[in-house]
Protein backbone atom coordinates (compact mmCIF):
# COMPACT_ATOMS: atom_id res chain seq x y z
CA MET A 1 -4.54 -10.11 -11.20
CA ARG A 2 -4.18 -13.30 -12.57
CA ILE A 3 -3.97 -16.29 -9.54
CA LEU A 4 -3.46 -19.90 -10.42
CA THR A 5 -3.92 -22.69 -7.65
CA ALA A 6 -2.30 -25.80 -7.40
CA HIS A 7 -5.20 -28.00 -5.19
CA ASP A 8 -6.41 -31.65 -4.12
CA ALA A 9 -9.62 -33.10 -5.95
CA GLU A 10 -11.34 -31.65 -2.90
CA GLY A 11 -10.72 -28.17 -3.84
CA ASN A 12 -8.00 -27.65 -1.01
CA ILE A 13 -5.18 -25.48 -2.11
CA HIS A 14 -1.46 -26.89 -1.64
CA HIS A 15 0.54 -23.22 -3.83
CA VAL A 16 -0.43 -20.40 -5.63
CA VAL A 17 1.12 -18.48 -7.85
CA VAL A 18 -0.03 -14.83 -8.15
CA SER A 19 1.11 -12.90 -11.78
CA PRO A 20 -0.36 -8.84 -12.97
CA ALA A 21 -2.44 -9.44 -15.70
CA ASP A 22 -0.99 -7.51 -18.08
CA ALA A 23 1.90 -10.31 -17.52
CA PRO A 24 2.51 -13.41 -19.93
CA PRO A 25 1.06 -16.50 -18.76
CA ALA A 26 2.78 -18.13 -16.22
CA THR A 27 3.92 -22.34 -15.79
CA VAL A 28 2.89 -24.05 -13.43
CA THR A 29 4.03 -27.58 -12.41
CA THR A 30 2.95 -29.41 -9.97
CA GLU A 31 3.41 -32.72 -8.16
CA THR A 32 1.56 -36.17 -9.19
CA GLY A 33 -1.82 -35.68 -7.86
CA LEU A 34 -2.63 -31.85 -7.24
CA LEU A 35 -4.78 -29.91 -10.41
CA VAL A 36 -3.47 -26.79 -11.68
CA ALA A 37 -6.89 -23.70 -11.80
CA GLU A 38 -6.51 -20.10 -12.64
CA VAL A 39 -9.20 -18.77 -10.13
CA GLU A 40 -10.52 -15.16 -10.00
CA ALA A 41 -9.00 -12.98 -7.50
CA PRO A 42 -11.64 -12.67 -4.08
CA GLU A 43 -12.91 -9.09 -4.10
CA GLY A 44 -10.68 -6.99 -1.94
CA ILE A 45 -7.39 -8.05 -3.41
CA SER A 46 -8.18 -7.88 -6.60
CA LYS A 47 -6.48 -4.17 -7.28
CA LEU A 48 -3.65 -5.60 -5.61
CA ASP A 49 -0.43 -2.90 -6.53
CA THR A 50 2.54 -5.00 -7.53
CA SER A 51 5.01 -1.65 -9.02
CA ASP A 52 6.57 -1.67 -5.88
CA PRO A 53 8.27 -4.54 -4.59
CA GLU A 54 8.29 -3.90 -0.94
CA ARG A 55 5.16 -2.86 -0.77
CA SER A 56 3.64 -6.13 -2.99
CA ARG A 57 5.81 -8.24 -0.91
CA GLN A 58 3.07 -7.18 1.95
CA GLN A 59 0.42 -7.38 0.08
CA LEU A 60 0.72 -10.67 -1.08
CA ALA A 61 1.79 -11.89 1.99
CA LYS A 62 -1.95 -10.26 3.38
CA VAL A 63 -3.94 -12.26 0.13
CA LEU A 64 -2.41 -15.92 0.49
CA GLN A 65 -3.22 -14.94 4.52
CA HIS A 66 -6.74 -14.28 3.14
CA LEU A 67 -5.97 -17.51 0.18
CA GLN A 68 -6.05 -20.08 3.29
CA ASP A 69 -9.35 -19.44 4.28
CA PHE A 70 -10.98 -20.56 1.22
CA ARG A 71 -10.74 -24.15 -1.07
CA VAL A 72 -11.06 -24.08 -5.04
CA ASP A 73 -14.66 -25.39 -6.30
CA VAL A 74 -14.07 -26.56 -9.96
CA GLY A 75 -17.29 -26.90 -11.45
CA THR A 76 -17.90 -25.75 -15.80
CA LYS A 77 -15.54 -22.22 -14.50
CA ALA A 78 -12.33 -22.66 -11.14
CA LYS A 79 -13.58 -20.19 -8.73
CA LEU A 80 -13.14 -19.83 -5.28
CA VAL A 81 -15.47 -20.86 -1.93
CA ARG A 82 -15.06 -20.24 1.54
CA LYS A 83 -14.08 -23.15 3.76
CA LYS A 84 -17.48 -23.96 5.92
CA SER A 85 -16.31 -23.76 10.42
CA LYS A 86 -15.74 -27.49 11.46
CA GLY A 87 -18.68 -26.58 13.75
CA ARG A 88 -21.14 -26.20 10.27
């Protein structure tokens, strides 16, 4: 699975594009000020089965909910990292 994220300079995710690993690369455009990066899927969601559209839709909803707990860490390679809670 490929995950493209549109995020701000602090790594806060604004948009997500998910596509099967064997699909042609997606093209993403976004509003000014956001960056686009391909990130690795967090463990546990990298095996998403996209062969059944209805089931895939339900699984994708769970993936997107899960990604709300992450931000993009843009170093030498973009990766997802858990957001720190405000209490920490």
